């Protein structure tokens, strides 16, 4: 406590470079996400009074996407009733039962309560899945671009095998690409619909990979000396699909894969509830139990009131159906306009390409500008393209390097969760004007 006349001194933290060099290998190996780098630059530009059409945010603006009314009222009621204390570490029993019922309605698969772990959004579920089955040096196989598998592999001490997926397959990996590593892998990671791509893995491809996992584990069981091969399935965007494509749960396609599949999902994207932080891990009971014990030390359980509110929503199929119809229509309209606008520019011969999205809130856009010139300078890489687009057009996008695809391909993620239809309409003349300046 200071008194009148006292002088307040700022602490002297010493040489920060030297302190940084003294930190653990784990800490020093982490790096700032390319998504956050773009977000920081957008904030600086906006603070200077410049308008930005922000297609970089993998989130929903409450201006355009509100959470379901039933969820909102459920959280309010829970807070008023005093649900401000710790929830049980595995999650409220009522919510775990509600998740089981929700998943059964969506997939036809009935998970037992012991297989359901409630987490504070999707990140803790992914982290816990990695840390529960991976020992340092184990091999993890995933494709790039994908969302932060590289970071989770690093945090787990895993030997990361990255498959560079191709646009012809919607940047989704195939069995033929994964097959060479199945015999030595401990974990395979899939995400559909994908972040950053907005594309989904076809059910035939997913089934073929699941069948291969089952077959490999039969071989390992016969050998008797090898630990199982697991598959981690990130389906956080599973509720948001376009073109009337139905999402397929892994266990619905290949029931025999049940001992080996961990599935991550949650309310964050399904109900535009990213800030409420409620996710879940579906896994064999032994894995769910140990993942829960791990997260109990992190304190990564979802808030009590939010869990109670989500319980009410998940137990009300009619409320979910009404919300899905409204939300999906708004997402689909944005994705469709963004895709068609860039497809038209491509067909005119402009140096762009675009993938038709299958779901999520993303469109994959390729700007074929590497090696071209503007204002006397050569455009050297994706970072230069990103900066140029932001500087000249006020449109913020995220390069696929932020998702582990390090080759200079010209591909970027565009997100529709925080922009209006009017803002999307402004994107095309701005980008077109830039392209016309480039030689």
Foldseek 3Di string as FASTA:
>chain_A
DDDPPDDDDDDDPDDVVVVLVPDDPLVVPDDDFLLVVLVVVLVVCVVVVDFFLEQSDLAFDCVQAPFFPLLVVLLVVCVVVPLFDDAPLQAHLLLLCLVQVLCCVQAVDRFDSLQKGKFQAQVLLVLLLLQLQAAAAAEEEEEPLAACPVSSCSNRNYDYDYHHADVVQLRFDACVRCVVCLLRHQEYEGEPVGVQRLAGHDLVRLLVNLVVQLVSQVVCVVVVPDDGHAYEYEYQFQLWFPPPDHDHDSCSSPVSSQQHYKYKYFCCQLRSPVVQRIIMIGHPSVSSVSSSVVCVVVVGHGRRSSSSSVSSVSVDVVSSVVSSVVVNVQLVVLLVVLQVLVVVVVVVVFQKDWDRHGTRFKIKMARPQAQWDAPRDGQHALVSVQVCLCVQQSYHWGDSVSSVPPDRGRITIGGDNYDHPVSSVSSRVSVVVVSVRID
